[in-house]
Amino acid sequence: MTQLTITLPIYPDKQVEMAKYMKNKFPFCGVQSQERKSLSKALMKESRLLSVAEVVSLITDYYDRKEREYQYIAIDLAIANVRKMTMTEVKKLSGLVSEKTWWDSVDAWRKFFALWVEQNMDCFDEVFHLFYHSQDFWMRRVAINLQLMFRENTKTDYLEKSILKDLKTEEFFIQKAIGWSLRQYSKTNPEWVRQFISAHDLSNLAVREGSKYLS
């Protein structure tokens, strides 16, 4: 399995540019998304032949690396192997959401958990509460946006619960998440979103984002 460990090239000019875009919170190799995915394509393919334990170990190893692109690779590995994961792995990987946090990694992790839940709806409540009860607002952002692409399968009681918990939280990324979740669901059920916005004292940001597609 020669492709399980990859080292990305370094592009100094892009390193500076990409780090600046992310508020200089993380060092970068300077590898853009398309090239990263091309370079890690064999890794994703070979990872599917591994046991669940081996995949989780690989994810952890990549996530621990310094440059930001390796966290993206780790999350891509989780998504590529989502079908083989059990609740045990989901719980373990949820711990990585609170590590090296910024919107890019948190929202990428959200995709993994949403995909897993869609295939294991009987575990929805348990997964939702992994994030909903957290003191970490980044974790709660996942709870708010967990159903982002669920459309008609959205559990509105959980959506409402997650939003109301953070209704008065001033954190920008929470209010943005509230607006994002409402905006997406308005494509499926605009009347529910319209009534929800009318019934609750939402922030200006959440209202602006959430009502974008409402006539």
Protein backbone atom coordinates (compact mmCIF):
# COMPACT_ATOMS: atom_id res chain seq x y z
CA MET A 1 0.00 0.00 0.00
CA THR A 2 2.47 2.57 -1.22
CA GLN A 3 -0.08 5.37 -1.57
CA LEU A 4 -1.23 5.53 2.05
CA THR A 5 1.33 8.13 3.03
CA ILE A 6 1.57 11.15 0.79
CA THR A 7 3.58 14.35 1.12
CA LEU A 8 2.20 17.38 -0.62
CA PRO A 9 4.43 19.76 -2.58
CA ILE A 10 5.18 23.22 -1.21
CA TYR A 11 4.31 26.35 -3.18
CA PRO A 12 5.69 29.34 -1.22
CA ASP A 13 3.63 32.03 -2.97
CA LYS A 14 0.40 30.11 -2.53
CA GLN A 15 1.33 29.25 1.07
CA VAL A 16 1.20 32.93 2.00
CA GLU A 17 -1.95 33.61 0.00
CA MET A 18 -3.90 30.65 1.39
CA ALA A 19 -2.82 31.27 4.98
CA LYS A 20 -3.85 34.90 4.70
CA TYR A 21 -7.31 33.88 3.43
CA MET A 22 -7.70 31.79 6.58
CA LYS A 23 -6.66 34.69 8.83
CA ASN A 24 -3.20 33.12 9.26
CA LYS A 25 -4.63 30.58 11.68
CA PHE A 26 -2.87 27.66 9.99
CA PRO A 27 0.21 27.02 7.86
CA PHE A 28 -0.45 25.77 4.34
CA CYS A 29 1.50 23.84 1.74
CA GLY A 30 -0.06 26.07 -0.89
CA VAL A 31 -1.79 23.22 -2.72
CA GLN A 32 -5.17 24.17 -4.13
CA SER A 33 -8.24 21.95 -3.91
CA GLN A 34 -8.18 20.42 -7.38
CA GLU A 35 -4.52 19.42 -7.17
CA ARG A 36 -4.91 18.12 -3.62
CA LYS A 37 -7.75 15.86 -4.68
CA SER A 38 -5.76 14.64 -7.66
CA LEU A 39 -2.71 13.88 -5.54
CA SER A 40 -4.79 12.05 -2.93
CA LYS A 41 -6.98 10.11 -5.37
CA ALA A 42 -4.99 6.88 -5.00
CA LEU A 43 -5.02 7.30 -1.23
CA MET A 44 -8.81 7.53 -1.20
CA LYS A 45 -9.10 4.44 -3.40
CA GLU A 46 -6.70 2.33 -1.36
CA SER A 47 -8.24 3.43 1.93
CA ARG A 48 -11.45 1.65 0.97
CA LEU A 49 -9.60 -1.65 1.24
CA LEU A 50 -8.63 -1.00 4.86
CA SER A 51 -10.45 -2.03 8.02
CA VAL A 52 -12.44 0.63 9.87
CA ALA A 53 -9.80 0.79 12.60
CA GLU A 54 -7.07 1.34 10.00
CA VAL A 55 -9.06 4.08 8.30
CA VAL A 56 -9.67 5.92 11.57
CA SER A 57 -5.96 5.65 12.41
CA LEU A 58 -5.11 7.06 8.99
CA ILE A 59 -7.57 9.91 9.44
CA THR A 60 -6.05 10.76 12.81
CA ASP A 61 -2.52 10.64 11.43
CA TYR A 62 -3.33 13.07 8.63
CA TYR A 63 -5.33 15.35 10.91
CA ASP A 64 -2.35 15.65 13.25
CA ARG A 65 -0.10 17.02 10.52
CA LYS A 66 0.80 20.69 10.62
CA GLU A 67 -0.29 22.03 7.24
CA ARG A 68 -4.00 22.70 6.69
CA GLU A 69 -4.31 20.66 3.52
CA TYR A 70 -3.70 17.50 5.53
CA GLN A 71 -6.79 18.17 7.64
CA TYR A 72 -8.76 18.39 4.40
CA ILE A 73 -7.31 15.05 3.32
CA ALA A 74 -8.27 13.51 6.65
CA ILE A 75 -11.87 14.65 6.26
CA ASP A 76 -11.93 13.47 2.65
CA LEU A 77 -10.83 10.05 3.93
CA ALA A 78 -13.72 10.00 6.39
CA ILE A 79 -16.20 10.91 3.66
CA ALA A 80 -14.74 8.34 1.25
CA ASN A 81 -15.26 5.64 3.88
CA VAL A 82 -18.50 6.86 5.42
CA ARG A 83 -20.45 3.73 4.53
CA LYS A 84 -18.25 1.44 6.61
CA MET A 85 -18.35 3.60 9.75
CA THR A 86 -20.37 2.64 12.81
CA MET A 87 -21.58 4.81 15.69
CA THR A 88 -18.36 3.98 17.51
CA GLU A 89 -16.29 5.66 14.80
CA VAL A 90 -18.72 8.55 14.50
CA LYS A 91 -18.30 9.31 18.20
CA LYS A 92 -14.53 9.11 17.95
CA LEU A 93 -14.32 11.33 14.88
CA SER A 94 -16.66 13.89 16.41
CA GLY A 95 -13.81 14.72 18.78
CA LEU A 96 -11.74 16.00 15.87
CA VAL A 97 -14.30 18.71 15.08
CA SER A 98 -13.05 20.68 18.09
CA GLU A 99 -9.42 20.40 17.03
CA LYS A 100 -7.77 22.96 14.71
CA THR A 101 -11.16 24.62 14.35
CA TRP A 102 -12.22 27.12 11.76
CA TRP A 103 -15.22 27.26 9.46
CA ASP A 104 -13.53 25.29 6.67
CA SER A 105 -12.84 22.14 8.68
CA VAL A 106 -16.04 22.36 10.74
CA ASP A 107 -18.25 22.61 7.67
CA ALA A 108 -16.38 19.81 5.93
CA TRP A 109 -16.89 17.59 8.98
CA ARG A 110 -20.56 18.53 8.95
CA LYS A 111 -20.83 16.94 5.52
CA PHE A 112 -19.39 13.67 6.83
CA PHE A 113 -21.79 13.46 9.78
CA ALA A 114 -24.77 14.42 7.62
CA LEU A 115 -23.93 11.72 5.07
CA TRP A 116 -23.59 9.14 7.82
CA VAL A 117 -26.86 10.12 9.47
CA GLU A 118 -28.72 9.97 6.16
CA GLN A 119 -27.67 6.32 5.92
CA ASN A 120 -28.41 5.63 9.60
CA MET A 121 -31.48 7.68 10.44
CA ASP A 122 -32.23 5.52 13.48
CA CYS A 123 -29.11 7.12 15.03
CA PHE A 124 -30.10 10.70 14.18
CA ASP A 125 -30.94 11.72 17.74
CA GLU A 126 -27.72 10.32 19.16
CA VAL A 127 -25.55 12.04 16.55
CA PHE A 128 -27.43 15.33 16.87
CA HIS A 129 -26.83 15.38 20.62
CA LEU A 130 -23.11 14.77 20.23
CA PHE A 131 -23.01 18.35 18.96
CA TYR A 132 -26.08 20.01 20.44
CA HIS A 133 -24.94 19.58 24.06
CA SER A 134 -21.40 20.83 23.48
CA GLN A 135 -19.97 23.95 25.11
CA ASP A 136 -17.96 24.48 21.93
CA PHE A 137 -19.90 26.73 19.56
CA TRP A 138 -18.20 25.09 16.58
CA MET A 139 -19.76 21.78 17.61
CA ARG A 140 -23.15 23.45 17.93
CA ARG A 141 -22.70 24.89 14.44
CA VAL A 142 -22.66 21.28 13.25
CA ALA A 143 -25.92 20.60 15.10
CA ILE A 144 -27.56 23.63 13.49
CA ASN A 145 -26.40 22.71 10.00
CA LEU A 146 -26.53 18.92 10.30
CA GLN A 147 -29.67 18.74 8.14
CA LEU A 148 -28.53 21.32 5.62
CA MET A 149 -29.19 19.11 2.61
CA PHE A 150 -31.99 16.95 4.02
CA ARG A 151 -34.73 18.85 2.16
CA GLU A 152 -38.08 17.12 2.73
CA ASN A 153 -36.48 14.74 5.24
CA THR A 154 -35.60 17.61 7.58
CA LYS A 155 -36.69 17.02 11.16
CA THR A 156 -38.02 20.49 11.90
CA ASP A 157 -38.31 19.87 15.63
CA TYR A 158 -34.55 19.31 15.80
CA LEU A 159 -33.84 22.25 13.51
CA GLU A 160 -35.93 24.49 15.74
CA LYS A 161 -34.32 23.09 18.89
CA SER A 162 -30.79 23.73 17.61
CA ILE A 163 -31.58 27.29 16.55
CA LEU A 164 -33.41 28.28 19.74
CA LYS A 165 -30.52 27.04 21.87
CA ASP A 166 -28.27 29.64 20.27
CA LEU A 167 -30.86 32.27 19.46
CA LYS A 168 -29.03 34.95 21.47
CA THR A 169 -25.50 33.70 20.96
CA GLU A 170 -23.61 36.63 19.49
CA GLU A 171 -20.94 34.55 17.77
CA PHE A 172 -20.91 35.40 14.05
CA PHE A 173 -20.43 31.81 12.92
CA ILE A 174 -23.45 30.67 14.94
CA GLN A 175 -25.73 33.37 13.58
CA LYS A 176 -24.45 32.69 10.08
CA ALA A 177 -25.21 28.99 10.59
CA ILE A 178 -28.76 29.77 11.72
CA GLY A 179 -29.36 31.86 8.63
CA TRP A 180 -27.77 29.25 6.40
CA SER A 181 -29.93 26.43 7.76
CA LEU A 182 -33.11 28.48 7.35
CA ARG A 183 -32.14 29.61 3.85
CA GLN A 184 -31.53 26.06 2.71
CA TYR A 185 -34.76 24.72 4.21
CA SER A 186 -36.74 27.60 2.69
CA LYS A 187 -36.07 26.00 -0.71
CA THR A 188 -38.16 23.03 0.47
CA ASN A 189 -40.64 24.55 2.91
CA PRO A 190 -40.71 28.36 2.61
CA GLU A 191 -43.87 28.70 4.71
CA TRP A 192 -42.30 26.94 7.71
CA VAL A 193 -39.26 29.21 7.50
CA ARG A 194 -41.41 32.31 7.07
CA GLN A 195 -43.47 31.44 10.16
CA PHE A 196 -40.36 30.56 12.16
CA ILE A 197 -38.70 33.88 11.41
CA SER A 198 -41.91 35.72 12.26
CA ALA A 199 -42.32 33.86 15.57
CA HIS A 200 -38.80 34.36 16.93
CA ASP A 201 -36.55 37.29 17.67
CA LEU A 202 -33.71 36.33 15.36
CA SER A 203 -30.59 38.39 14.77
CA ASN A 204 -30.49 40.67 11.76
CA LEU A 205 -27.84 38.44 10.21
CA ALA A 206 -29.93 35.29 10.65
CA VAL A 207 -33.03 36.98 9.23
CA ARG A 208 -31.14 38.40 6.27
CA GLU A 209 -29.58 35.05 5.42
CA GLY A 210 -32.65 32.98 6.20
CA SER A 211 -35.09 35.04 4.17
CA LYS A 212 -32.93 35.33 1.06
CA TYR A 213 -35.19 33.07 -1.03
CA LEU A 214 -38.49 34.12 0.52
CA SER A 215 -40.69 36.31 -1.63
